[in-house]
Amino acid sequence: MRRWLWLVAVLVLAFGMVSDAATFKRFETITVADTAIGITSTVHTPLGIPQMKACQLRVEGAEIRIRWDGTNPTASVGIPVEVLEIVTLTSHADISQLKMIRTTATSATVSVMCWTD
């Protein structure tokens, strides 16, 4: 019986150490058109694992504007992000409030990689 309890304790301890040290990652591709859009909530706040703490975005195809202050950007208001530029966000609050919109008639594609540490 003691061996069994010892084995269970070791497994629980080992599992806890692995899950604490694990880095979880999420990726998505977003088409940014003429309506403000953010990172999908299941990407930045996935069920059953920690919230994402950082994300990098790479813009392709067309310039966009971004805001992460709780207000939607417009085609002329917000921080402009050029094609091939990379933006890094380092807090879950900023990640969850990020909104993007295209600045011209051409939609952009934004590749997003997020991680927990």
PDB file of N, CA and C in Angstrom:
ATOM      1  N   MET A   1       0.813  -1.195   0.000  1.00  0.00           N
ATOM      2  CA  MET A   1       0.000   0.000   0.000  1.00  0.00           C
ATOM      3  C   MET A   1       0.860   1.265   0.000  1.00  0.00           C
ATOM      4  N   ARG A   2       1.950   1.247   0.776  1.00  0.00           N
ATOM      5  CA  ARG A   2       2.824   2.417   0.825  1.00  0.00           C
ATOM      6  C   ARG A   2       3.471   2.675  -0.533  1.00  0.00           C
ATOM      7  N   ARG A   3       3.855   1.607  -1.214  1.00  0.00           N
ATOM      8  CA  ARG A   3       4.444   1.781  -2.547  1.00  0.00           C
ATOM      9  C   ARG A   3       3.458   2.468  -3.478  1.00  0.00           C
ATOM     10  N   TRP A   4       2.231   2.070  -3.418  1.00  0.00           N
ATOM     11  CA  TRP A   4       1.193   2.643  -4.264  1.00  0.00           C
ATOM     12  C   TRP A   4       1.026   4.142  -3.971  1.00  0.00           C
ATOM     13  N   LEU A   5       0.957   4.504  -2.695  1.00  0.00           N
ATOM     14  CA  LEU A   5       0.828   5.911  -2.325  1.00  0.00           C
ATOM     15  C   LEU A   5       2.060   6.700  -2.751  1.00  0.00           C
ATOM     16  N   TRP A   6       3.234   6.099  -2.593  1.00  0.00           N
ATOM     17  CA  TRP A   6       4.462   6.759  -2.997  1.00  0.00           C
ATOM     18  C   TRP A   6       4.463   7.019  -4.505  1.00  0.00           C
ATOM     19  N   LEU A   7       4.041   6.034  -5.288  1.00  0.00           N
ATOM     20  CA  LEU A   7       3.978   6.168  -6.740  1.00  0.00           C
ATOM     21  C   LEU A   7       2.988   7.258  -7.143  1.00  0.00           C
ATOM     22  N   VAL A   8       1.838   7.283  -6.512  1.00  0.00           N
ATOM     23  CA  VAL A   8       0.845   8.320  -6.807  1.00  0.00           C
ATOM     24  C   VAL A   8       1.422   9.698  -6.480  1.00  0.00           C
ATOM     25  N   ALA A   9       2.083   9.832  -5.340  1.00  0.00           N
ATOM     26  CA  ALA A   9       2.667  11.115  -4.942  1.00  0.00           C
ATOM     27  C   ALA A   9       3.722  11.568  -5.948  1.00  0.00           C
ATOM     28  N   VAL A  10       4.564  10.649  -6.393  1.00  0.00           N
ATOM     29  CA  VAL A  10       5.594  10.985  -7.373  1.00  0.00           C
ATOM     30  C   VAL A  10       4.955  11.425  -8.690  1.00  0.00           C
ATOM     31  N   LEU A  11       3.950  10.718  -9.138  1.00  0.00           N
ATOM     32  CA  LEU A  11       3.279  11.085 -10.387  1.00  0.00           C
ATOM     33  C   LEU A  11       2.599  12.441 -10.287  1.00  0.00           C
ATOM     34  N   VAL A  12       1.945  12.704  -9.172  1.00  0.00           N
ATOM     35  CA  VAL A  12       1.293  14.001  -8.985  1.00  0.00           C
ATOM     36  C   VAL A  12       2.326  15.115  -8.984  1.00  0.00           C
ATOM     37  N   LEU A  13       3.421  14.915  -8.265  1.00  0.00           N
ATOM     38  CA  LEU A  13       4.485  15.906  -8.213  1.00  0.00           C
ATOM     39  C   LEU A  13       5.094  16.117  -9.601  1.00  0.00           C
ATOM     40  N   ALA A  14       5.384  15.038 -10.303  1.00  0.00           N
ATOM     41  CA  ALA A  14       5.975  15.138 -11.642  1.00  0.00           C
ATOM     42  C   ALA A  14       5.026  15.837 -12.600  1.00  0.00           C
ATOM     43  N   PHE A  15       3.747  15.504 -12.562  1.00  0.00           N
ATOM     44  CA  PHE A  15       2.773  16.136 -13.451  1.00  0.00           C
ATOM     45  C   PHE A  15       2.676  17.622 -13.145  1.00  0.00           C
ATOM     46  N   GLY A  16       2.665  17.962 -11.886  1.00  0.00           N
ATOM     47  CA  GLY A  16       2.604  19.370 -11.494  1.00  0.00           C
ATOM     48  C   GLY A  16       3.804  20.137 -11.991  1.00  0.00           C
ATOM     49  N   MET A  17       4.989  19.548 -11.912  1.00  0.00           N
ATOM     50  CA  MET A  17       6.201  20.223 -12.365  1.00  0.00           C
ATOM     51  C   MET A  17       6.182  20.404 -13.877  1.00  0.00           C
ATOM     52  N   VAL A  18       5.703  19.433 -14.603  1.00  0.00           N
ATOM     53  CA  VAL A  18       5.649  19.544 -16.063  1.00  0.00           C
ATOM     54  C   VAL A  18       4.647  20.598 -16.475  1.00  0.00           C
ATOM     55  N   SER A  19       3.463  20.598 -15.863  1.00  0.00           N
ATOM     56  CA  SER A  19       2.454  21.559 -16.287  1.00  0.00           C
ATOM     57  C   SER A  19       2.836  22.980 -15.923  1.00  0.00           C
ATOM     58  N   ASP A  20       3.552  23.193 -14.791  1.00  0.00           N
ATOM     59  CA  ASP A  20       3.982  24.529 -14.426  1.00  0.00           C
ATOM     60  C   ASP A  20       5.047  25.044 -15.378  1.00  0.00           C
ATOM     61  N   ALA A  21       5.917  24.170 -15.845  1.00  0.00           N
ATOM     62  CA  ALA A  21       7.024  24.586 -16.695  1.00  0.00           C
ATOM     63  C   ALA A  21       6.652  24.605 -18.178  1.00  0.00           C
ATOM     64  N   ALA A  22       5.525  24.065 -18.534  1.00  0.00           N
ATOM     65  CA  ALA A  22       5.150  23.948 -19.939  1.00  0.00           C
ATOM     66  C   ALA A  22       4.824  25.310 -20.538  1.00  0.00           C
ATOM     67  N   THR A  23       5.212  25.485 -21.777  1.00  0.00           N
ATOM     68  CA  THR A  23       4.824  26.659 -22.547  1.00  0.00           C
ATOM     69  C   THR A  23       3.744  26.228 -23.518  1.00  0.00           C
ATOM     70  N   PHE A  24       2.613  26.875 -23.435  1.00  0.00           N
ATOM     71  CA  PHE A  24       1.523  26.585 -24.361  1.00  0.00           C
ATOM     72  C   PHE A  24       1.534  27.641 -25.448  1.00  0.00           C
ATOM     73  N   LYS A  25       1.264  27.214 -26.679  1.00  0.00           N
ATOM     74  CA  LYS A  25       1.291  28.117 -27.823  1.00  0.00           C
ATOM     75  C   LYS A  25      -0.001  27.971 -28.626  1.00  0.00           C
ATOM     76  N   ARG A  26      -0.408  29.059 -29.235  1.00  0.00           N
ATOM     77  CA  ARG A  26      -1.575  29.071 -30.106  1.00  0.00           C
ATOM     78  C   ARG A  26      -1.243  29.912 -31.332  1.00  0.00           C
ATOM     79  N   PHE A  27      -1.795  29.525 -32.475  1.00  0.00           N
ATOM     80  CA  PHE A  27      -1.554  30.226 -33.737  1.00  0.00           C
ATOM     81  C   PHE A  27      -2.874  30.402 -34.462  1.00  0.00           C
ATOM     82  N   GLU A  28      -2.999  31.519 -35.157  1.00  0.00           N
ATOM     83  CA  GLU A  28      -4.133  31.703 -36.055  1.00  0.00           C
ATOM     84  C   GLU A  28      -3.768  32.700 -37.134  1.00  0.00           C
ATOM     85  N   THR A  29      -4.501  32.636 -38.231  1.00  0.00           N
ATOM     86  CA  THR A  29      -4.385  33.593 -39.316  1.00  0.00           C
ATOM     87  C   THR A  29      -5.700  34.352 -39.393  1.00  0.00           C
ATOM     88  N   ILE A  30      -5.602  35.681 -39.398  1.00  0.00           N
ATOM     89  CA  ILE A  30      -6.789  36.536 -39.382  1.00  0.00           C
ATOM     90  C   ILE A  30      -6.821  37.363 -40.658  1.00  0.00           C
ATOM     91  N   THR A  31      -7.965  37.385 -41.316  1.00  0.00           N
ATOM     92  CA  THR A  31      -8.171  38.294 -42.439  1.00  0.00           C
ATOM     93  C   THR A  31      -8.714  39.596 -41.868  1.00  0.00           C
ATOM     94  N   VAL A  32      -7.984  40.675 -42.103  1.00  0.00           N
ATOM     95  CA  VAL A  32      -8.368  41.982 -41.579  1.00  0.00           C
ATOM     96  C   VAL A  32      -9.000  42.767 -42.725  1.00  0.00           C
ATOM     97  N   ALA A  33     -10.284  43.026 -42.600  1.00  0.00           N
ATOM     98  CA  ALA A  33     -11.045  43.721 -43.645  1.00  0.00           C
ATOM     99  C   ALA A  33     -11.495  45.087 -43.127  1.00  0.00           C
ATOM    100  N   ASP A  34     -12.688  45.524 -43.545  1.00  0.00           N
ATOM    101  CA  ASP A  34     -13.158  46.870 -43.217  1.00  0.00           C
ATOM    102  C   ASP A  34     -13.965  46.959 -41.915  1.00  0.00           C
ATOM    103  N   THR A  35     -13.971  45.900 -41.136  1.00  0.00           N
ATOM    104  CA  THR A  35     -14.589  45.895 -39.806  1.00  0.00           C
ATOM    105  C   THR A  35     -13.524  45.505 -38.804  1.00  0.00           C
ATOM    106  N   ALA A  36     -13.423  46.262 -37.712  1.00  0.00           N
ATOM    107  CA  ALA A  36     -12.395  45.978 -36.708  1.00  0.00           C
ATOM    108  C   ALA A  36     -12.553  44.565 -36.166  1.00  0.00           C
ATOM    109  N   ILE A  37     -11.434  43.877 -36.020  1.00  0.00           N
ATOM    110  CA  ILE A  37     -11.426  42.483 -35.572  1.00  0.00           C
ATOM    111  C   ILE A  37     -10.235  42.280 -34.639  1.00  0.00           C
ATOM    112  N   GLY A  38     -10.371  41.359 -33.714  1.00  0.00           N
ATOM    113  CA  GLY A  38      -9.291  41.055 -32.789  1.00  0.00           C
ATOM    114  C   GLY A  38      -8.862  39.604 -32.891  1.00  0.00           C
ATOM    115  N   ILE A  39      -7.971  39.224 -31.994  1.00  0.00           N
ATOM    116  CA  ILE A  39      -7.531  37.834 -31.904  1.00  0.00           C
ATOM    117  C   ILE A  39      -8.676  37.028 -31.301  1.00  0.00           C
ATOM    118  N   THR A  40      -8.932  35.865 -31.839  1.00  0.00           N
ATOM    119  CA  THR A  40     -10.026  35.019 -31.374  1.00  0.00           C
ATOM    120  C   THR A  40      -9.853  34.692 -29.895  1.00  0.00           C
ATOM    121  N   SER A  41     -10.943  34.794 -29.137  1.00  0.00           N
ATOM    122  CA  SER A  41     -10.859  34.586 -27.682  1.00  0.00           C
ATOM    123  C   SER A  41     -10.372  33.185 -27.321  1.00  0.00           C
ATOM    124  N   THR A  42     -10.690  32.186 -28.119  1.00  0.00           N
ATOM    125  CA  THR A  42     -10.208  30.835 -27.811  1.00  0.00           C
ATOM    126  C   THR A  42      -8.712  30.690 -28.064  1.00  0.00           C
ATOM    127  N   VAL A  43      -8.115  31.645 -28.764  1.00  0.00           N
ATOM    128  CA  VAL A  43      -6.668  31.653 -28.948  1.00  0.00           C
ATOM    129  C   VAL A  43      -6.004  32.324 -27.751  1.00  0.00           C
ATOM    130  N   HIS A  44      -6.466  33.512 -27.363  1.00  0.00           N
ATOM    131  CA  HIS A  44      -5.788  34.221 -26.269  1.00  0.00           C
ATOM    132  C   HIS A  44      -6.226  33.775 -24.879  1.00  0.00           C
ATOM    133  N   THR A  45      -7.399  33.167 -24.755  1.00  0.00           N
ATOM    134  CA  THR A  45      -7.871  32.657 -23.462  1.00  0.00           C
ATOM    135  C   THR A  45      -8.436  31.255 -23.669  1.00  0.00           C
ATOM    136  N   PRO A  46      -7.590  30.278 -23.986  1.00  0.00           N
ATOM    137  CA  PRO A  46      -8.071  28.925 -24.260  1.00  0.00           C
ATOM    138  C   PRO A  46      -8.589  28.243 -22.993  1.00  0.00           C
ATOM    139  N   LEU A  47      -9.539  27.376 -23.178  1.00  0.00           N
ATOM    140  CA  LEU A  47     -10.130  26.634 -22.071  1.00  0.00           C
ATOM    141  C   LEU A  47      -9.151  25.574 -21.575  1.00  0.00           C
ATOM    142  N   GLY A  48      -8.925  25.523 -20.286  1.00  0.00           N
ATOM    143  CA  GLY A  48      -8.140  24.456 -19.694  1.00  0.00           C
ATOM    144  C   GLY A  48      -6.645  24.666 -19.635  1.00  0.00           C
ATOM    145  N   ILE A  49      -6.136  25.765 -20.206  1.00  0.00           N
ATOM    146  CA  ILE A  49      -4.707  26.071 -20.104  1.00  0.00           C
ATOM    147  C   ILE A  49      -4.562  27.549 -19.758  1.00  0.00           C
ATOM    148  N   PRO A  50      -3.379  27.988 -19.363  1.00  0.00           N
ATOM    149  CA  PRO A  50      -3.214  29.389 -18.972  1.00  0.00           C
ATOM    150  C   PRO A  50      -3.492  30.360 -20.115  1.00  0.00           C
ATOM    151  N   GLN A  51      -3.861  31.592 -19.734  1.00  0.00           N
ATOM    152  CA  GLN A  51      -4.043  32.656 -20.714  1.00  0.00           C
ATOM    153  C   GLN A  51      -2.714  32.953 -21.401  1.00  0.00           C
ATOM    154  N   MET A  52      -2.803  33.406 -22.639  1.00  0.00           N
ATOM    155  CA  MET A  52      -1.601  33.779 -23.365  1.00  0.00           C
ATOM    156  C   MET A  52      -1.042  35.071 -22.774  1.00  0.00           C
ATOM    157  N   LYS A  53       0.283  35.119 -22.582  1.00  0.00           N
ATOM    158  CA  LYS A  53       0.938  36.289 -22.003  1.00  0.00           C
ATOM    159  C   LYS A  53       1.613  37.160 -23.046  1.00  0.00           C
ATOM    160  N   ALA A  54       1.847  36.612 -24.235  1.00  0.00           N
ATOM    161  CA  ALA A  54       2.505  37.378 -25.294  1.00  0.00           C
ATOM    162  C   ALA A  54       2.031  36.876 -26.647  1.00  0.00           C
ATOM    163  N   CYS A  55       1.987  37.788 -27.607  1.00  0.00           N
ATOM    164  CA  CYS A  55       1.647  37.437 -28.988  1.00  0.00           C
ATOM    165  C   CYS A  55       2.495  38.273 -29.933  1.00  0.00           C
ATOM    166  N   GLN A  56       2.871  37.651 -31.055  1.00  0.00           N
ATOM    167  CA  GLN A  56       3.500  38.384 -32.144  1.00  0.00           C
ATOM    168  C   GLN A  56       2.588  38.297 -33.348  1.00  0.00           C
ATOM    169  N   LEU A  57       2.460  39.430 -34.037  1.00  0.00           N
ATOM    170  CA  LEU A  57       1.623  39.515 -35.225  1.00  0.00           C
ATOM    171  C   LEU A  57       2.489  39.948 -36.393  1.00  0.00           C
ATOM    172  N   ARG A  58       2.287  39.325 -37.537  1.00  0.00           N
ATOM    173  CA  ARG A  58       2.984  39.743 -38.758  1.00  0.00           C
ATOM    174  C   ARG A  58       1.938  40.055 -39.814  1.00  0.00           C
ATOM    175  N   VAL A  59       2.034  41.237 -40.373  1.00  0.00           N
ATOM    176  CA  VAL A  59       1.053  41.733 -41.326  1.00  0.00           C
ATOM    177  C   VAL A  59       1.518  41.442 -42.745  1.00  0.00           C
ATOM    178  N   GLU A  60       0.605  40.941 -43.569  1.00  0.00           N
ATOM    179  CA  GLU A  60       0.906  40.659 -44.968  1.00  0.00           C
ATOM    180  C   GLU A  60      -0.221  41.177 -45.856  1.00  0.00           C
ATOM    181  N   GLY A  61       0.132  41.640 -47.040  1.00  0.00           N
ATOM    182  CA  GLY A  61      -0.854  41.990 -48.057  1.00  0.00           C
ATOM    183  C   GLY A  61      -1.281  43.438 -48.093  1.00  0.00           C
ATOM    184  N   ALA A  62      -1.453  44.092 -46.948  1.00  0.00           N
ATOM    185  CA  ALA A  62      -1.901  45.482 -46.913  1.00  0.00           C
ATOM    186  C   ALA A  62      -1.655  46.072 -45.531  1.00  0.00           C
ATOM    187  N   GLU A  63      -1.519  47.386 -45.477  1.00  0.00           N
ATOM    188  CA  GLU A  63      -1.343  48.078 -44.206  1.00  0.00           C
ATOM    189  C   GLU A  63      -2.621  47.979 -43.368  1.00  0.00           C
ATOM    190  N   ILE A  64      -2.445  47.927 -42.054  1.00  0.00           N
ATOM    191  CA  ILE A  64      -3.582  47.947 -41.136  1.00  0.00           C
ATOM    192  C   ILE A  64      -3.339  49.029 -40.083  1.00  0.00           C
ATOM    193  N   ARG A  65      -4.360  49.287 -39.299  1.00  0.00           N
ATOM    194  CA  ARG A  65      -4.224  50.127 -38.101  1.00  0.00           C
ATOM    195  C   ARG A  65      -4.689  49.296 -36.917  1.00  0.00           C
ATOM    196  N   ILE A  66      -4.035  49.515 -35.773  1.00  0.00           N
ATOM    197  CA  ILE A  66      -4.378  48.750 -34.581  1.00  0.00           C
ATOM    198  C   ILE A  66      -4.581  49.673 -33.385  1.00  0.00           C
ATOM    199  N   ARG A  67      -5.363  49.181 -32.435  1.00  0.00           N
ATOM    200  CA  ARG A  67      -5.524  49.810 -31.117  1.00  0.00           C
ATOM    201  C   ARG A  67      -5.733  48.689 -30.116  1.00  0.00           C
ATOM    202  N   TRP A  68      -5.302  48.925 -28.885  1.00  0.00           N
ATOM    203  CA  TRP A  68      -5.551  47.955 -27.814  1.00  0.00           C
ATOM    204  C   TRP A  68      -5.948  48.659 -26.527  1.00  0.00           C
ATOM    205  N   ASP A  69      -6.686  49.767 -26.716  1.00  0.00           N
ATOM    206  CA  ASP A  69      -7.147  50.552 -25.573  1.00  0.00           C
ATOM    207  C   ASP A  69      -8.648  50.424 -25.336  1.00  0.00           C
ATOM    208  N   GLY A  70      -9.268  49.445 -25.967  1.00  0.00           N
ATOM    209  CA  GLY A  70     -10.708  49.240 -25.795  1.00  0.00           C
ATOM    210  C   GLY A  70     -11.554  49.956 -26.829  1.00  0.00           C
ATOM    211  N   THR A  71     -10.929  50.709 -27.740  1.00  0.00           N
ATOM    212  CA  THR A  71     -11.639  51.430 -28.793  1.00  0.00           C
ATOM    213  C   THR A  71     -11.235  50.859 -30.141  1.00  0.00           C
ATOM    214  N   ASN A  72     -12.201  50.698 -31.040  1.00  0.00           N
ATOM    215  CA  ASN A  72     -11.886  50.174 -32.367  1.00  0.00           C
ATOM    216  C   ASN A  72     -11.111  51.192 -33.191  1.00  0.00           C
ATOM    217  N   PRO A  73     -10.110  50.737 -33.933  1.00  0.00           N
ATOM    218  CA  PRO A  73      -9.437  51.643 -34.866  1.00  0.00           C
ATOM    219  C   PRO A  73     -10.342  51.882 -36.074  1.00  0.00           C
ATOM    220  N   THR A  74      -9.995  52.882 -36.858  1.00  0.00           N
ATOM    221  CA  THR A  74     -10.654  53.104 -38.142  1.00  0.00           C
ATOM    222  C   THR A  74      -9.562  53.083 -39.206  1.00  0.00           C
ATOM    223  N   ALA A  75      -9.950  53.236 -40.458  1.00  0.00           N
ATOM    224  CA  ALA A  75      -8.962  53.249 -41.542  1.00  0.00           C
ATOM    225  C   ALA A  75      -7.994  54.415 -41.422  1.00  0.00           C
ATOM    226  N   SER A  76      -8.357  55.443 -40.632  1.00  0.00           N
ATOM    227  CA  SER A  76      -7.483  56.608 -40.500  1.00  0.00           C
ATOM    228  C   SER A  76      -7.059  56.904 -39.056  1.00  0.00           C
ATOM    229  N   VAL A  77      -7.568  56.156 -38.067  1.00  0.00           N
ATOM    230  CA  VAL A  77      -7.219  56.398 -36.663  1.00  0.00           C
ATOM    231  C   VAL A  77      -6.733  55.094 -36.035  1.00  0.00           C
ATOM    232  N   GLY A  78      -5.578  55.165 -35.409  1.00  0.00           N
ATOM    233  CA  GLY A  78      -4.951  54.003 -34.797  1.00  0.00           C
ATOM    234  C   GLY A  78      -3.488  53.981 -35.189  1.00  0.00           C
ATOM    235  N   ILE A  79      -2.776  53.035 -34.684  1.00  0.00           N
ATOM    236  CA  ILE A  79      -1.348  52.929 -34.993  1.00  0.00           C
ATOM    237  C   ILE A  79      -1.196  52.182 -36.314  1.00  0.00           C
ATOM    238  N   PRO A  80      -0.581  52.820 -37.324  1.00  0.00           N
ATOM    239  CA  PRO A  80      -0.413  52.125 -38.605  1.00  0.00           C
ATOM    240  C   PRO A  80       0.652  51.032 -38.501  1.00  0.00           C
ATOM    241  N   VAL A  81       0.363  49.911 -39.132  1.00  0.00           N
ATOM    242  CA  VAL A  81       1.301  48.790 -39.176  1.00  0.00           C
ATOM    243  C   VAL A  81       1.470  48.418 -40.645  1.00  0.00           C
ATOM    244  N   GLU A  82       2.697  48.546 -41.116  1.00  0.00           N
ATOM    245  CA  GLU A  82       3.011  48.298 -42.521  1.00  0.00           C
ATOM    246  C   GLU A  82       3.097  46.803 -42.834  1.00  0.00           C
ATOM    247  N   VAL A  83       3.028  46.471 -44.106  1.00  0.00           N
ATOM    248  CA  VAL A  83       3.200  45.103 -44.583  1.00  0.00           C
ATOM    249  C   VAL A  83       4.587  44.590 -44.154  1.00  0.00           C
ATOM    250  N   LEU A  84       4.620  43.380 -43.664  1.00  0.00           N
ATOM    251  CA  LEU A  84       5.797  42.665 -43.169  1.00  0.00           C
ATOM    252  C   LEU A  84       6.307  43.164 -41.815  1.00  0.00           C
ATOM    253  N   GLU A  85       5.641  44.137 -41.237  1.00  0.00           N
ATOM    254  CA  GLU A  85       6.016  44.600 -39.904  1.00  0.00           C
ATOM    255  C   GLU A  85       5.531  43.589 -38.870  1.00  0.00           C
ATOM    256  N   ILE A  86       6.284  43.472 -37.783  1.00  0.00           N
ATOM    257  CA  ILE A  86       5.930  42.568 -36.692  1.00  0.00           C
ATOM    258  C   ILE A  86       5.602  43.402 -35.458  1.00  0.00           C
ATOM    259  N   VAL A  87       4.493  43.078 -34.827  1.00  0.00           N
ATOM    260  CA  VAL A  87       4.056  43.737 -33.596  1.00  0.00           C
ATOM    261  C   VAL A  87       4.077  42.697 -32.486  1.00  0.00           C
ATOM    262  N   THR A  88       4.603  43.067 -31.323  1.00  0.00           N
ATOM    263  CA  THR A  88       4.631  42.176 -30.170  1.00  0.00           C
ATOM    264  C   THR A  88       3.810  42.792 -29.046  1.00  0.00           C
ATOM    265  N   LEU A  89       2.903  42.019 -28.492  1.00  0.00           N
ATOM    266  CA  LEU A  89       2.121  42.424 -27.322  1.00  0.00           C
ATOM    267  C   LEU A  89       2.534  41.525 -26.169  1.00  0.00           C
ATOM    268  N   THR A  90       2.731  42.115 -24.985  1.00  0.00           N
ATOM    269  CA  THR A  90       3.286  41.336 -23.878  1.00  0.00           C
ATOM    270  C   THR A  90       2.422  41.339 -22.620  1.00  0.00           C
ATOM    271  N   SER A  91       1.128  41.541 -22.776  1.00  0.00           N
ATOM    272  CA  SER A  91       0.232  41.372 -21.632  1.00  0.00           C
ATOM    273  C   SER A  91      -1.097  40.821 -22.133  1.00  0.00           C
ATOM    274  N   HIS A  92      -1.718  40.008 -21.309  1.00  0.00           N
ATOM    275  CA  HIS A  92      -2.997  39.424 -21.718  1.00  0.00           C
ATOM    276  C   HIS A  92      -4.047  40.506 -21.920  1.00  0.00           C
ATOM    277  N   ALA A  93      -4.013  41.563 -21.113  1.00  0.00           N
ATOM    278  CA  ALA A  93      -4.982  42.659 -21.267  1.00  0.00           C
ATOM    279  C   ALA A  93      -4.865  43.291 -22.653  1.00  0.00           C
ATOM    280  N   ASP A  94      -3.645  43.580 -23.095  1.00  0.00           N
ATOM    281  CA  ASP A  94      -3.448  44.161 -24.426  1.00  0.00           C
ATOM    282  C   ASP A  94      -3.862  43.187 -25.524  1.00  0.00           C
ATOM    283  N   ILE A  95      -3.507  41.925 -25.352  1.00  0.00           N
ATOM    284  CA  ILE A  95      -3.846  40.901 -26.342  1.00  0.00           C
ATOM    285  C   ILE A  95      -5.359  40.789 -26.505  1.00  0.00           C
ATOM    286  N   SER A  96      -6.070  40.737 -25.398  1.00  0.00           N
ATOM    287  CA  SER A  96      -7.523  40.545 -25.454  1.00  0.00           C
ATOM    288  C   SER A  96      -8.253  41.781 -25.962  1.00  0.00           C
ATOM    289  N   GLN A  97      -7.644  42.973 -25.859  1.00  0.00           N
ATOM    290  CA  GLN A  97      -8.296  44.200 -26.327  1.00  0.00           C
ATOM    291  C   GLN A  97      -7.850  44.636 -27.723  1.00  0.00           C
ATOM    292  N   LEU A  98      -6.868  43.948 -28.295  1.00  0.00           N
ATOM    293  CA  LEU A  98      -6.366  44.333 -29.618  1.00  0.00           C
ATOM    294  C   LEU A  98      -7.474  44.286 -30.661  1.00  0.00           C
ATOM    295  N   LYS A  99      -7.543  45.348 -31.473  1.00  0.00           N
ATOM    296  CA  LYS A  99      -8.442  45.395 -32.631  1.00  0.00           C
ATOM    297  C   LYS A  99      -7.644  45.887 -33.818  1.00  0.00           C
ATOM    298  N   MET A 100      -7.960  45.353 -35.001  1.00  0.00           N
ATOM    299  CA  MET A 100      -7.255  45.667 -36.242  1.00  0.00           C
ATOM    300  C   MET A 100      -8.262  45.988 -37.335  1.00  0.00           C
ATOM    301  N   ILE A 101      -7.872  46.863 -38.264  1.00  0.00           N
ATOM    302  CA  ILE A 101      -8.707  47.175 -39.425  1.00  0.00           C
ATOM    303  C   ILE A 101      -7.792  47.525 -40.593  1.00  0.00           C
ATOM    304  N   ARG A 102      -8.220  47.244 -41.804  1.00  0.00           N
ATOM    305  CA  ARG A 102      -7.410  47.598 -42.975  1.00  0.00           C
ATOM    306  C   ARG A 102      -7.515  49.102 -43.226  1.00  0.00           C
ATOM    307  N   THR A 103      -6.528  49.654 -43.940  1.00  0.00           N
ATOM    308  CA  THR A 103      -6.522  51.090 -44.222  1.00  0.00           C
ATOM    309  C   THR A 103      -6.927  51.413 -45.659  1.00  0.00           C
ATOM    310  N   THR A 104      -6.966  50.402 -46.515  1.00  0.00           N
ATOM    311  CA  THR A 104      -7.336  50.610 -47.923  1.00  0.00           C
ATOM    312  C   THR A 104      -8.417  49.602 -48.300  1.00  0.00           C
ATOM    313  N   ALA A 105      -8.701  49.506 -49.582  1.00  0.00           N
ATOM    314  CA  ALA A 105      -9.710  48.560 -50.058  1.00  0.00           C
ATOM    315  C   ALA A 105      -9.201  47.122 -50.063  1.00  0.00           C
ATOM    316  N   THR A 106      -7.909  46.935 -49.851  1.00  0.00           N
ATOM    317  CA  THR A 106      -7.310  45.600 -49.863  1.00  0.00           C
ATOM    318  C   THR A 106      -7.235  45.048 -48.450  1.00  0.00           C
ATOM    319  N   SER A 107      -7.770  43.854 -48.246  1.00  0.00           N
ATOM    320  CA  SER A 107      -7.702  43.215 -46.931  1.00  0.00           C
ATOM    321  C   SER A 107      -6.290  42.705 -46.664  1.00  0.00           C
ATOM    322  N   ALA A 108      -5.940  42.654 -45.403  1.00  0.00           N
ATOM    323  CA  ALA A 108      -4.634  42.151 -44.981  1.00  0.00           C
ATOM    324  C   ALA A 108      -4.807  40.774 -44.355  1.00  0.00           C
ATOM    325  N   THR A 109      -3.721  40.049 -44.301  1.00  0.00           N
ATOM    326  CA  THR A 109      -3.670  38.786 -43.575  1.00  0.00           C
ATOM    327  C   THR A 109      -2.688  38.978 -42.433  1.00  0.00           C
ATOM    328  N   VAL A 110      -3.113  38.630 -41.226  1.00  0.00           N
ATOM    329  CA  VAL A 110      -2.250  38.773 -40.060  1.00  0.00           C
ATOM    330  C   VAL A 110      -2.041  37.392 -39.453  1.00  0.00           C
ATOM    331  N   SER A 111      -0.783  36.978 -39.389  1.00  0.00           N
ATOM    332  CA  SER A 111      -0.436  35.721 -38.732  1.00  0.00           C
ATOM    333  C   SER A 111      -0.136  36.035 -37.263  1.00  0.00           C
ATOM    334  N   VAL A 112      -0.737  35.258 -36.369  1.00  0.00           N
ATOM    335  CA  VAL A 112      -0.629  35.524 -34.942  1.00  0.00           C
ATOM    336  C   VAL A 112      -0.095  34.278 -34.240  1.00  0.00           C
ATOM    337  N   MET A 113       0.990  34.451 -33.472  1.00  0.00           N
ATOM    338  CA  MET A 113       1.516  33.387 -32.634  1.00  0.00           C
ATOM    339  C   MET A 113       1.506  33.903 -31.200  1.00  0.00           C
ATOM    340  N   CYS A 114       0.850  33.152 -30.307  1.00  0.00           N
ATOM    341  CA  CYS A 114       0.758  33.524 -28.894  1.00  0.00           C
ATOM    342  C   CYS A 114       1.358  32.420 -28.030  1.00  0.00           C
ATOM    343  N   TRP A 115       1.855  32.799 -26.855  1.00  0.00           N
ATOM    344  CA  TRP A 115       2.425  31.818 -25.934  1.00  0.00           C
ATOM    345  C   TRP A 115       2.203  32.266 -24.500  1.00  0.00           C
ATOM    346  N   THR A 116       2.406  31.328 -23.578  1.00  0.00           N
ATOM    347  CA  THR A 116       2.088  31.563 -22.178  1.00  0.00           C
ATOM    348  C   THR A 116       3.243  32.079 -21.350  1.00  0.00           C
ATOM    349  N   ASP A 117       4.475  31.955 -21.775  1.00  0.00           N
ATOM    350  CA  ASP A 117       5.578  32.512 -20.975  1.00  0.00           C
ATOM    351  C   ASP A 117       6.635  33.141 -21.818  1.00  0.00           C
TER     352      ASP A 117
END
